[in-house]
Amino acid sequence: MSGAAQTTDDQSFTETARRFLEGSPEELKPLLESVEKSRGLLGPDDVADHLRARVEALGLADSLAHFRAHGYAVIEDVAPPEEMDALREAIHGLSEPVPGADSRVAAFLLGRHPAVDRIATNPKILAFAEVSVGNGLRASQIIGSIMHRSDAESAGVHADQGWLPAPFPEHNCVITFCVPCEGMTAEEGATRVVPGSHAERRHPTPAETRSETVPIEVKKGGVAVWNGSVWHGAGVRRVGGTRTVLHATYQRLYTQPIDDYTYLLEDEEYLASAPEAMRGLLGERLFFGTAKSGSMVDLRKFGEATIRAKL
């Protein structure tokens, strides 16, 4: 494509996007400027211009570099110890036994406890997630698990985005944060990962599910994170006590989330006290399903999506 043609296309895109977004909130202007700067061609490992200062201020650069190279990372000092204690109490209070297993699970947690909502909208987690799965990301699955001591063998490894065909998209679609309320070491059941396996962009073969792994060890207050392509699996706890974890998964806006939390958008009392970022995680401003009998899709929301999808 010639330079003149490229310039024309860029101008056409900009004019169309601005027309869609006319009268929209001021918060969208930096997003549009960010898309214009990248010409809508942000690479899968790039940080969008509007996000750079936030990533730097939150001290995420080193973790992001490790994440790009290995498919996983540890983010330190995400929340203070007392916040982790509150999260642990919430998971234990909402959990139920898993039939046939010595463990407990607390499912469908968003909107059920303030400690869960605070972690799900934590600034470090959301900024890191946006770099990986883009602006306009959705909450996909928010669950808690309680692991006890076991003599069992590891169940092997898998890739989280199991409903995507291979090769997986270059732009990551799924990101999971593992929030260990007490911290986790190898003997305490830390999640195990095959470093660099995300570069394969596919599911492991049956033989590869037994690949050599390393534990993601995390201090209390920190978080483990991996992308949807990396091969990983649950660790096994070899000591007493419990490993209490919140698994918070987010997805790129065009993919189907695992859990449907949209009912919370109808709960005005909940939204009045929920963290402001929650509305975005629930998909409040996405255009999907807005077309009705006798009316088109919501063009303003469609315009927003065309911007957010490029970030």
C-alpha atoms as a PDB file:
ATOM      1  CA  MET A   1       0.000   0.000   0.000  1.00  0.00           C
ATOM      2  CA  SER A   2       1.366   3.433  -0.914  1.00  0.00           C
ATOM      3  CA  GLY A   3       1.997   6.092   1.724  1.00  0.00           C
ATOM      4  CA  ALA A   4      -0.759   8.255   0.263  1.00  0.00           C
ATOM      5  CA  ALA A   5      -3.260   5.402   0.385  1.00  0.00           C
ATOM      6  CA  GLN A   6      -2.239   4.584   3.969  1.00  0.00           C
ATOM      7  CA  THR A   7      -2.735   8.204   5.011  1.00  0.00           C
ATOM      8  CA  THR A   8      -6.165   8.258   3.403  1.00  0.00           C
ATOM      9  CA  ASP A   9      -7.152   5.038   5.174  1.00  0.00           C
ATOM     10  CA  ASP A  10      -5.910   6.402   8.504  1.00  0.00           C
ATOM     11  CA  GLN A  11      -7.893   9.611   8.062  1.00  0.00           C
ATOM     12  CA  SER A  12     -11.010   7.664   7.056  1.00  0.00           C
ATOM     13  CA  PHE A  13     -10.727   5.452  10.127  1.00  0.00           C
ATOM     14  CA  THR A  14     -10.192   8.444  12.402  1.00  0.00           C
ATOM     15  CA  GLU A  15     -13.141  10.379  10.979  1.00  0.00           C
ATOM     16  CA  THR A  16     -15.446   7.350  11.262  1.00  0.00           C
ATOM     17  CA  ALA A  17     -14.391   6.608  14.831  1.00  0.00           C
ATOM     18  CA  ARG A  18     -14.800  10.221  15.914  1.00  0.00           C
ATOM     19  CA  ARG A  19     -18.273  10.360  14.357  1.00  0.00           C
ATOM     20  CA  PHE A  20     -19.320   7.243  16.276  1.00  0.00           C
ATOM     21  CA  LEU A  21     -17.907   8.646  19.505  1.00  0.00           C
ATOM     22  CA  GLU A  22     -19.397  12.138  19.246  1.00  0.00           C
ATOM     23  CA  GLY A  23     -20.772  13.114  22.636  1.00  0.00           C
ATOM     24  CA  SER A  24     -19.102  10.201  24.417  1.00  0.00           C
ATOM     25  CA  PRO A  25     -17.342  10.590  27.797  1.00  0.00           C
ATOM     26  CA  GLU A  26     -14.004  12.414  27.939  1.00  0.00           C
ATOM     27  CA  GLU A  27     -12.299   9.197  29.076  1.00  0.00           C
ATOM     28  CA  LEU A  28     -12.506   7.859  25.523  1.00  0.00           C
ATOM     29  CA  LYS A  29     -10.427  10.660  23.986  1.00  0.00           C
ATOM     30  CA  PRO A  30      -7.052   9.305  25.180  1.00  0.00           C
ATOM     31  CA  LEU A  31      -8.043   5.899  23.806  1.00  0.00           C
ATOM     32  CA  LEU A  32      -8.796   7.325  20.382  1.00  0.00           C
ATOM     33  CA  GLU A  33      -5.528   9.264  20.400  1.00  0.00           C
ATOM     34  CA  SER A  34      -3.701   6.091  21.380  1.00  0.00           C
ATOM     35  CA  VAL A  35      -5.247   4.185  18.465  1.00  0.00           C
ATOM     36  CA  GLU A  36      -4.386   7.014  16.079  1.00  0.00           C
ATOM     37  CA  LYS A  37      -0.769   6.926  17.240  1.00  0.00           C
ATOM     38  CA  SER A  38      -0.489   3.175  16.562  1.00  0.00           C
ATOM     39  CA  ARG A  39      -2.674   3.464  13.424  1.00  0.00           C
ATOM     40  CA  GLY A  40      -4.781   0.662  14.902  1.00  0.00           C
ATOM     41  CA  LEU A  41      -1.875  -1.793  14.556  1.00  0.00           C
ATOM     42  CA  LEU A  42      -0.780  -2.313  18.163  1.00  0.00           C
ATOM     43  CA  GLY A  43       1.412  -5.409  18.375  1.00  0.00           C
ATOM     44  CA  PRO A  44       0.551  -8.355  20.658  1.00  0.00           C
ATOM     45  CA  ASP A  45       3.320  -7.453  23.143  1.00  0.00           C
ATOM     46  CA  ASP A  46       3.069  -3.663  22.874  1.00  0.00           C
ATOM     47  CA  VAL A  47       1.828  -1.269  25.537  1.00  0.00           C
ATOM     48  CA  ALA A  48      -0.692   1.236  24.183  1.00  0.00           C
ATOM     49  CA  ASP A  49       0.340   4.866  24.451  1.00  0.00           C
ATOM     50  CA  HIS A  50      -2.443   5.808  26.907  1.00  0.00           C
ATOM     51  CA  LEU A  51      -1.357   2.979  29.230  1.00  0.00           C
ATOM     52  CA  ARG A  52       2.392   3.598  29.403  1.00  0.00           C
ATOM     53  CA  ALA A  53       2.431   6.059  32.293  1.00  0.00           C
ATOM     54  CA  ARG A  54       0.130   3.860  34.395  1.00  0.00           C
ATOM     55  CA  VAL A  55       2.258   0.750  33.782  1.00  0.00           C
ATOM     56  CA  GLU A  56       5.369   2.673  34.831  1.00  0.00           C
ATOM     57  CA  ALA A  57       3.730   4.206  37.907  1.00  0.00           C
ATOM     58  CA  LEU A  58       2.514   0.784  39.076  1.00  0.00           C
ATOM     59  CA  GLY A  59       5.966  -0.741  38.649  1.00  0.00           C
ATOM     60  CA  LEU A  60       4.848  -3.440  36.208  1.00  0.00           C
ATOM     61  CA  ALA A  61       7.623  -3.205  33.618  1.00  0.00           C
ATOM     62  CA  ASP A  62       9.803  -6.044  34.942  1.00  0.00           C
ATOM     63  CA  SER A  63       6.859  -8.407  35.434  1.00  0.00           C
ATOM     64  CA  LEU A  64       5.602  -7.646  31.929  1.00  0.00           C
ATOM     65  CA  ALA A  65       9.043  -8.341  30.448  1.00  0.00           C
ATOM     66  CA  HIS A  66       9.134 -11.749  32.168  1.00  0.00           C
ATOM     67  CA  PHE A  67       5.560 -12.423  31.058  1.00  0.00           C
ATOM     68  CA  ARG A  68       6.400 -11.729  27.414  1.00  0.00           C
ATOM     69  CA  ALA A  69       9.473 -13.959  27.482  1.00  0.00           C
ATOM     70  CA  HIS A  70       8.132 -16.879  29.511  1.00  0.00           C
ATOM     71  CA  GLY A  71       4.323 -16.689  29.366  1.00  0.00           C
ATOM     72  CA  TYR A  72       3.946 -16.153  33.113  1.00  0.00           C
ATOM     73  CA  ALA A  73       5.126 -13.787  35.830  1.00  0.00           C
ATOM     74  CA  VAL A  74       4.858 -12.768  39.468  1.00  0.00           C
ATOM     75  CA  ILE A  75       3.511  -9.338  40.401  1.00  0.00           C
ATOM     76  CA  GLU A  76       4.615  -8.265  43.859  1.00  0.00           C
ATOM     77  CA  ASP A  77       2.819  -6.067  46.390  1.00  0.00           C
ATOM     78  CA  VAL A  78      -0.570  -6.224  44.709  1.00  0.00           C
ATOM     79  CA  ALA A  79      -2.495  -5.959  47.996  1.00  0.00           C
ATOM     80  CA  PRO A  80      -1.586  -5.571  51.704  1.00  0.00           C
ATOM     81  CA  PRO A  81      -1.707  -8.590  54.072  1.00  0.00           C
ATOM     82  CA  GLU A  82      -4.994  -7.510  55.637  1.00  0.00           C
ATOM     83  CA  GLU A  83      -6.645  -7.456  52.211  1.00  0.00           C
ATOM     84  CA  MET A  84      -5.416 -10.995  51.566  1.00  0.00           C
ATOM     85  CA  ASP A  85      -6.797 -12.057  54.946  1.00  0.00           C
ATOM     86  CA  ALA A  86     -10.212 -10.614  54.055  1.00  0.00           C
ATOM     87  CA  LEU A  87     -10.118 -12.416  50.706  1.00  0.00           C
ATOM     88  CA  ARG A  88      -9.211 -15.690  52.418  1.00  0.00           C
ATOM     89  CA  GLU A  89     -12.133 -15.303  54.819  1.00  0.00           C
ATOM     90  CA  ALA A  90     -14.490 -14.638  51.912  1.00  0.00           C
ATOM     91  CA  ILE A  91     -13.376 -17.713  49.944  1.00  0.00           C
ATOM     92  CA  HIS A  92     -13.605 -20.003  52.979  1.00  0.00           C
ATOM     93  CA  GLY A  93     -17.036 -18.627  53.824  1.00  0.00           C
ATOM     94  CA  LEU A  94     -18.426 -19.094  50.310  1.00  0.00           C
ATOM     95  CA  SER A  95     -16.751 -22.393  49.413  1.00  0.00           C
ATOM     96  CA  GLU A  96     -18.353 -25.822  49.109  1.00  0.00           C
ATOM     97  CA  PRO A  97     -16.807 -29.320  49.136  1.00  0.00           C
ATOM     98  CA  VAL A  98     -15.755 -30.854  45.813  1.00  0.00           C
ATOM     99  CA  PRO A  99     -17.364 -34.317  45.559  1.00  0.00           C
ATOM    100  CA  GLY A 100     -14.744 -37.064  45.723  1.00  0.00           C
ATOM    101  CA  ALA A 101     -11.864 -34.699  46.502  1.00  0.00           C
ATOM    102  CA  ASP A 102     -10.270 -33.251  49.612  1.00  0.00           C
ATOM    103  CA  SER A 103     -10.717 -29.669  48.465  1.00  0.00           C
ATOM    104  CA  ARG A 104     -13.298 -26.908  48.359  1.00  0.00           C
ATOM    105  CA  VAL A 105     -14.349 -24.473  45.625  1.00  0.00           C
ATOM    106  CA  ALA A 106     -16.158 -21.142  45.751  1.00  0.00           C
ATOM    107  CA  ALA A 107     -17.648 -20.510  42.304  1.00  0.00           C
ATOM    108  CA  PHE A 108     -19.238 -17.499  40.587  1.00  0.00           C
ATOM    109  CA  LEU A 109     -17.799 -15.034  43.112  1.00  0.00           C
ATOM    110  CA  LEU A 110     -18.079 -11.638  41.433  1.00  0.00           C
ATOM    111  CA  GLY A 111     -20.600  -9.462  43.243  1.00  0.00           C
ATOM    112  CA  ARG A 112     -20.840 -11.801  46.237  1.00  0.00           C
ATOM    113  CA  HIS A 113     -18.257 -10.252  48.568  1.00  0.00           C
ATOM    114  CA  PRO A 114     -16.538  -6.829  48.636  1.00  0.00           C
ATOM    115  CA  ALA A 115     -13.086  -8.386  49.183  1.00  0.00           C
ATOM    116  CA  VAL A 116     -13.454 -10.356  45.944  1.00  0.00           C
ATOM    117  CA  ASP A 117     -14.621  -7.311  44.004  1.00  0.00           C
ATOM    118  CA  ARG A 118     -11.718  -5.227  45.301  1.00  0.00           C
ATOM    119  CA  ILE A 119      -9.144  -7.743  44.123  1.00  0.00           C
ATOM    120  CA  ALA A 120     -10.932  -8.252  40.785  1.00  0.00           C
ATOM    121  CA  THR A 121     -10.675  -4.501  40.131  1.00  0.00           C
ATOM    122  CA  ASN A 122      -7.200  -4.015  41.646  1.00  0.00           C
ATOM    123  CA  PRO A 123      -5.283  -1.380  39.617  1.00  0.00           C
ATOM    124  CA  LYS A 124      -2.176  -3.531  39.111  1.00  0.00           C
ATOM    125  CA  ILE A 125      -4.216  -6.516  37.977  1.00  0.00           C
ATOM    126  CA  LEU A 126      -6.373  -4.512  35.565  1.00  0.00           C
ATOM    127  CA  ALA A 127      -3.439  -2.615  34.035  1.00  0.00           C
ATOM    128  CA  PHE A 128      -1.473  -5.849  33.534  1.00  0.00           C
ATOM    129  CA  ALA A 129      -4.547  -7.553  32.078  1.00  0.00           C
ATOM    130  CA  GLU A 130      -5.155  -4.687  29.647  1.00  0.00           C
ATOM    131  CA  VAL A 131      -1.637  -4.979  28.257  1.00  0.00           C
ATOM    132  CA  SER A 132      -2.235  -8.679  27.594  1.00  0.00           C
ATOM    133  CA  VAL A 133      -5.882  -8.935  26.499  1.00  0.00           C
ATOM    134  CA  GLY A 134      -6.645  -5.365  25.509  1.00  0.00           C
ATOM    135  CA  ASN A 135      -8.861  -2.494  26.513  1.00  0.00           C
ATOM    136  CA  GLY A 136     -12.522  -3.283  27.102  1.00  0.00           C
ATOM    137  CA  LEU A 137     -11.590  -6.644  28.633  1.00  0.00           C
ATOM    138  CA  ARG A 138     -14.297  -8.728  30.314  1.00  0.00           C
ATOM    139  CA  ALA A 139     -14.391 -10.612  33.594  1.00  0.00           C
ATOM    140  CA  SER A 140     -14.527 -14.246  32.509  1.00  0.00           C
ATOM    141  CA  GLN A 141     -14.317 -16.478  35.573  1.00  0.00           C
ATOM    142  CA  ILE A 142     -13.787 -15.512  39.210  1.00  0.00           C
ATOM    143  CA  ILE A 143     -13.539 -18.545  41.499  1.00  0.00           C
ATOM    144  CA  GLY A 144     -11.835 -19.528  44.727  1.00  0.00           C
ATOM    145  CA  SER A 145     -10.211 -22.808  45.689  1.00  0.00           C
ATOM    146  CA  ILE A 146      -8.942 -24.339  48.927  1.00  0.00           C
ATOM    147  CA  MET A 147      -6.225 -26.994  48.642  1.00  0.00           C
ATOM    148  CA  HIS A 148      -5.211 -29.362  51.472  1.00  0.00           C
ATOM    149  CA  ARG A 149      -2.210 -31.634  51.894  1.00  0.00           C
ATOM    150  CA  SER A 150      -2.150 -34.545  49.427  1.00  0.00           C
ATOM    151  CA  ASP A 151       0.054 -37.451  48.329  1.00  0.00           C
ATOM    152  CA  ALA A 152      -1.436 -37.430  44.828  1.00  0.00           C
ATOM    153  CA  GLU A 153       0.542 -36.891  41.662  1.00  0.00           C
ATOM    154  CA  SER A 154       0.198 -33.763  39.531  1.00  0.00           C
ATOM    155  CA  ALA A 155      -2.620 -33.836  36.989  1.00  0.00           C
ATOM    156  CA  GLY A 156      -0.369 -32.518  34.218  1.00  0.00           C
ATOM    157  CA  VAL A 157      -0.495 -29.308  32.193  1.00  0.00           C
ATOM    158  CA  HIS A 158      -2.966 -27.595  29.862  1.00  0.00           C
ATOM    159  CA  ALA A 159      -3.593 -24.232  28.174  1.00  0.00           C
ATOM    160  CA  ASP A 160      -6.450 -22.139  29.575  1.00  0.00           C
ATOM    161  CA  GLN A 161      -8.033 -21.061  26.288  1.00  0.00           C
ATOM    162  CA  GLY A 162      -9.280 -24.566  25.583  1.00  0.00           C
ATOM    163  CA  TRP A 163     -12.210 -23.396  23.445  1.00  0.00           C
ATOM    164  CA  LEU A 164      -9.953 -21.614  20.938  1.00  0.00           C
ATOM    165  CA  PRO A 165      -8.669 -23.547  17.909  1.00  0.00           C
ATOM    166  CA  ALA A 166      -4.949 -23.807  17.276  1.00  0.00           C
ATOM    167  CA  PRO A 167      -2.889 -21.991  16.315  1.00  0.00           C
ATOM    168  CA  PHE A 168      -3.978 -19.555  18.997  1.00  0.00           C
ATOM    169  CA  PRO A 169      -4.189 -15.872  17.958  1.00  0.00           C
ATOM    170  CA  GLU A 170      -0.999 -13.828  18.240  1.00  0.00           C
ATOM    171  CA  HIS A 171      -2.890 -11.358  20.408  1.00  0.00           C
ATOM    172  CA  ASN A 172      -3.565 -13.171  23.672  1.00  0.00           C
ATOM    173  CA  CYS A 173      -7.265 -13.702  24.421  1.00  0.00           C
ATOM    174  CA  VAL A 174      -7.223 -15.086  27.984  1.00  0.00           C
ATOM    175  CA  ILE A 175      -5.223 -14.112  31.069  1.00  0.00           C
ATOM    176  CA  THR A 176      -5.443 -15.684  34.520  1.00  0.00           C
ATOM    177  CA  PHE A 177      -4.310 -14.223  37.835  1.00  0.00           C
ATOM    178  CA  CYS A 178      -3.736 -16.619  40.730  1.00  0.00           C
ATOM    179  CA  VAL A 179      -4.061 -14.738  44.024  1.00  0.00           C
ATOM    180  CA  PRO A 180      -2.704 -16.918  46.880  1.00  0.00           C
ATOM    181  CA  CYS A 181      -4.078 -15.492  50.107  1.00  0.00           C
ATOM    182  CA  GLU A 182      -1.319 -17.067  52.217  1.00  0.00           C
ATOM    183  CA  GLY A 183       1.363 -16.951  49.539  1.00  0.00           C
ATOM    184  CA  MET A 184       2.547 -20.207  47.919  1.00  0.00           C
ATOM    185  CA  THR A 185       5.768 -22.174  47.552  1.00  0.00           C
ATOM    186  CA  ALA A 186       6.423 -25.418  45.678  1.00  0.00           C
ATOM    187  CA  GLU A 187       5.707 -27.598  48.710  1.00  0.00           C
ATOM    188  CA  GLU A 188       2.620 -25.516  49.501  1.00  0.00           C
ATOM    189  CA  GLY A 189       1.047 -26.343  46.141  1.00  0.00           C
ATOM    190  CA  ALA A 190       2.210 -23.500  43.889  1.00  0.00           C
ATOM    191  CA  THR A 191       0.906 -23.555  40.312  1.00  0.00           C
ATOM    192  CA  ARG A 192       3.472 -25.104  37.966  1.00  0.00           C
ATOM    193  CA  VAL A 193       4.259 -23.903  34.450  1.00  0.00           C
ATOM    194  CA  VAL A 194       6.258 -24.872  31.357  1.00  0.00           C
ATOM    195  CA  PRO A 195       8.259 -21.665  30.694  1.00  0.00           C
ATOM    196  CA  GLY A 196       8.119 -20.457  27.103  1.00  0.00           C
ATOM    197  CA  SER A 197       5.383 -22.894  26.064  1.00  0.00           C
ATOM    198  CA  HIS A 198       3.119 -19.976  25.113  1.00  0.00           C
ATOM    199  CA  ALA A 199       5.240 -19.572  21.968  1.00  0.00           C
ATOM    200  CA  GLU A 200       3.812 -22.866  20.639  1.00  0.00           C
ATOM    201  CA  ARG A 201       0.348 -21.233  20.400  1.00  0.00           C
ATOM    202  CA  ARG A 202      -1.399 -24.593  20.735  1.00  0.00           C
ATOM    203  CA  HIS A 203      -2.557 -27.146  23.273  1.00  0.00           C
ATOM    204  CA  PRO A 204       0.003 -29.659  24.572  1.00  0.00           C
ATOM    205  CA  THR A 205      -0.056 -33.142  23.075  1.00  0.00           C
ATOM    206  CA  PRO A 206      -0.892 -36.041  25.437  1.00  0.00           C
ATOM    207  CA  ALA A 207       2.839 -36.691  25.882  1.00  0.00           C
ATOM    208  CA  GLU A 208       3.527 -32.991  26.495  1.00  0.00           C
ATOM    209  CA  THR A 209       0.987 -32.815  29.334  1.00  0.00           C
ATOM    210  CA  ARG A 210       3.744 -34.444  31.415  1.00  0.00           C
ATOM    211  CA  SER A 211       6.352 -31.846  30.465  1.00  0.00           C
ATOM    212  CA  GLU A 212       8.860 -30.665  33.033  1.00  0.00           C
ATOM    213  CA  THR A 213       7.496 -27.715  35.000  1.00  0.00           C
ATOM    214  CA  VAL A 214       8.662 -25.072  37.459  1.00  0.00           C
ATOM    215  CA  PRO A 215       6.624 -23.683  40.394  1.00  0.00           C
ATOM    216  CA  ILE A 216       5.440 -20.079  40.436  1.00  0.00           C
ATOM    217  CA  GLU A 217       6.321 -19.153  43.998  1.00  0.00           C
ATOM    218  CA  VAL A 218       4.601 -16.058  45.367  1.00  0.00           C
ATOM    219  CA  LYS A 219       4.898 -14.175  48.646  1.00  0.00           C
ATOM    220  CA  LYS A 220       1.764 -13.131  50.503  1.00  0.00           C
ATOM    221  CA  GLY A 221       0.443  -9.968  48.880  1.00  0.00           C
ATOM    222  CA  GLY A 222       1.698 -10.948  45.439  1.00  0.00           C
ATOM    223  CA  VAL A 223       0.000 -12.572  42.457  1.00  0.00           C
ATOM    224  CA  ALA A 224       0.964 -15.171  39.854  1.00  0.00           C
ATOM    225  CA  VAL A 225      -0.202 -14.559  36.286  1.00  0.00           C
ATOM    226  CA  TRP A 226      -0.075 -16.496  33.013  1.00  0.00           C
ATOM    227  CA  ASN A 227      -1.469 -16.088  29.529  1.00  0.00           C
ATOM    228  CA  GLY A 228      -3.985 -18.312  27.786  1.00  0.00           C
ATOM    229  CA  SER A 229      -1.404 -20.146  25.682  1.00  0.00           C
ATOM    230  CA  VAL A 230       1.123 -21.166  28.332  1.00  0.00           C
ATOM    231  CA  TRP A 231       1.072 -24.771  29.540  1.00  0.00           C
ATOM    232  CA  HIS A 232       0.513 -24.990  33.286  1.00  0.00           C
ATOM    233  CA  GLY A 233      -1.136 -27.096  35.940  1.00  0.00           C
ATOM    234  CA  ALA A 234      -2.090 -27.196  39.595  1.00  0.00           C
ATOM    235  CA  GLY A 235       0.604 -28.013  42.092  1.00  0.00           C
ATOM    236  CA  VAL A 236       0.209 -30.532  44.919  1.00  0.00           C
ATOM    237  CA  ARG A 237       0.384 -29.445  48.546  1.00  0.00           C
ATOM    238  CA  ARG A 238       2.822 -31.603  50.510  1.00  0.00           C
ATOM    239  CA  VAL A 239       2.518 -29.826  53.875  1.00  0.00           C
ATOM    240  CA  GLY A 240      -0.290 -29.164  56.326  1.00  0.00           C
ATOM    241  CA  GLY A 241      -2.597 -26.166  56.307  1.00  0.00           C
ATOM    242  CA  THR A 242      -4.339 -24.829  53.215  1.00  0.00           C
ATOM    243  CA  ARG A 243      -3.589 -23.022  49.983  1.00  0.00           C
ATOM    244  CA  THR A 244      -6.423 -20.536  49.498  1.00  0.00           C
ATOM    245  CA  VAL A 245      -6.479 -18.971  46.043  1.00  0.00           C
ATOM    246  CA  LEU A 246      -8.648 -16.625  44.012  1.00  0.00           C
ATOM    247  CA  HIS A 247      -8.466 -17.444  40.305  1.00  0.00           C
ATOM    248  CA  ALA A 248      -9.403 -14.321  38.345  1.00  0.00           C
ATOM    249  CA  THR A 249      -9.600 -14.765  34.574  1.00  0.00           C
ATOM    250  CA  TYR A 250     -10.160 -11.958  32.049  1.00  0.00           C
ATOM    251  CA  GLN A 251     -10.779 -12.139  28.301  1.00  0.00           C
ATOM    252  CA  ARG A 252     -10.402  -9.987  25.218  1.00  0.00           C
ATOM    253  CA  LEU A 253     -13.667  -8.183  24.486  1.00  0.00           C
ATOM    254  CA  TYR A 254     -14.636 -10.189  21.392  1.00  0.00           C
ATOM    255  CA  THR A 255     -14.410 -13.602  23.090  1.00  0.00           C
ATOM    256  CA  GLN A 256     -17.197 -15.324  25.007  1.00  0.00           C
ATOM    257  CA  PRO A 257     -16.581 -15.172  28.791  1.00  0.00           C
ATOM    258  CA  ILE A 258     -16.953 -18.346  30.860  1.00  0.00           C
ATOM    259  CA  ASP A 259     -19.317 -16.904  33.489  1.00  0.00           C
ATOM    260  CA  ASP A 260     -22.206 -14.550  32.710  1.00  0.00           C
ATOM    261  CA  TYR A 261     -22.197 -11.712  35.229  1.00  0.00           C
ATOM    262  CA  THR A 262     -24.348  -9.351  33.168  1.00  0.00           C
ATOM    263  CA  TYR A 263     -27.240  -9.762  35.615  1.00  0.00           C
ATOM    264  CA  LEU A 264     -25.287  -7.486  37.964  1.00  0.00           C
ATOM    265  CA  LEU A 265     -25.829  -4.623  35.514  1.00  0.00           C
ATOM    266  CA  GLU A 266     -29.512  -4.707  36.475  1.00  0.00           C
ATOM    267  CA  ASP A 267     -28.747  -4.458  40.202  1.00  0.00           C
ATOM    268  CA  GLU A 268     -28.635  -0.708  40.826  1.00  0.00           C
ATOM    269  CA  GLU A 269     -28.015  -1.124  44.557  1.00  0.00           C
ATOM    270  CA  TYR A 270     -24.946  -3.278  43.868  1.00  0.00           C
ATOM    271  CA  LEU A 271     -23.574  -0.946  41.187  1.00  0.00           C
ATOM    272  CA  ALA A 272     -23.952   2.050  43.489  1.00  0.00           C
ATOM    273  CA  SER A 273     -21.369   0.579  45.887  1.00  0.00           C
ATOM    274  CA  ALA A 274     -19.268  -1.546  43.527  1.00  0.00           C
ATOM    275  CA  PRO A 275     -15.820  -0.377  42.329  1.00  0.00           C
ATOM    276  CA  GLU A 276     -16.223   1.857  39.271  1.00  0.00           C
ATOM    277  CA  ALA A 277     -14.091  -0.470  37.135  1.00  0.00           C
ATOM    278  CA  MET A 278     -16.644  -3.223  37.668  1.00  0.00           C
ATOM    279  CA  ARG A 279     -18.985  -1.807  35.017  1.00  0.00           C
ATOM    280  CA  GLY A 280     -16.382  -2.370  32.337  1.00  0.00           C
ATOM    281  CA  LEU A 281     -15.674  -5.913  33.523  1.00  0.00           C
ATOM    282  CA  LEU A 282     -19.394  -6.666  33.252  1.00  0.00           C
ATOM    283  CA  GLY A 283     -19.493  -5.446  29.635  1.00  0.00           C
ATOM    284  CA  GLU A 284     -21.797  -2.490  30.261  1.00  0.00           C
ATOM    285  CA  ARG A 285     -20.553  -0.580  27.212  1.00  0.00           C
ATOM    286  CA  LEU A 286     -20.187  -3.382  24.668  1.00  0.00           C
ATOM    287  CA  PHE A 287     -22.481  -3.405  21.646  1.00  0.00           C
ATOM    288  CA  PHE A 288     -23.197  -7.145  21.494  1.00  0.00           C
ATOM    289  CA  GLY A 289     -26.923  -7.851  21.697  1.00  0.00           C
ATOM    290  CA  THR A 290     -27.983  -4.186  21.463  1.00  0.00           C
ATOM    291  CA  ALA A 291     -29.859  -4.597  18.171  1.00  0.00           C
ATOM    292  CA  LYS A 292     -33.598  -5.039  18.738  1.00  0.00           C
ATOM    293  CA  SER A 293     -36.624  -5.549  16.541  1.00  0.00           C
ATOM    294  CA  GLY A 294     -37.043  -2.328  14.586  1.00  0.00           C
ATOM    295  CA  SER A 295     -33.712  -0.750  15.647  1.00  0.00           C
ATOM    296  CA  MET A 296     -30.060  -1.090  14.713  1.00  0.00           C
ATOM    297  CA  VAL A 297     -27.147  -1.971  16.923  1.00  0.00           C
ATOM    298  CA  ASP A 298     -26.128   0.805  19.347  1.00  0.00           C
ATOM    299  CA  LEU A 299     -23.685   2.686  17.105  1.00  0.00           C
ATOM    300  CA  ARG A 300     -22.049   4.615  19.937  1.00  0.00           C
ATOM    301  CA  LYS A 301     -21.199   1.377  21.730  1.00  0.00           C
ATOM    302  CA  PHE A 302     -20.102  -0.104  18.416  1.00  0.00           C
ATOM    303  CA  GLY A 303     -17.803   2.864  17.903  1.00  0.00           C
ATOM    304  CA  GLU A 304     -16.336   2.370  21.361  1.00  0.00           C
ATOM    305  CA  ALA A 305     -15.660  -1.279  20.622  1.00  0.00           C
ATOM    306  CA  THR A 306     -13.817  -0.446  17.394  1.00  0.00           C
ATOM    307  CA  ILE A 307     -11.455   1.691  19.479  1.00  0.00           C
ATOM    308  CA  ARG A 308     -11.053  -0.601  22.477  1.00  0.00           C
ATOM    309  CA  ALA A 309     -10.463  -3.658  20.275  1.00  0.00           C
ATOM    310  CA  LYS A 310      -7.313  -2.015  18.865  1.00  0.00           C
ATOM    311  CA  LEU A 311      -5.782  -1.400  22.288  1.00  0.00           C
END
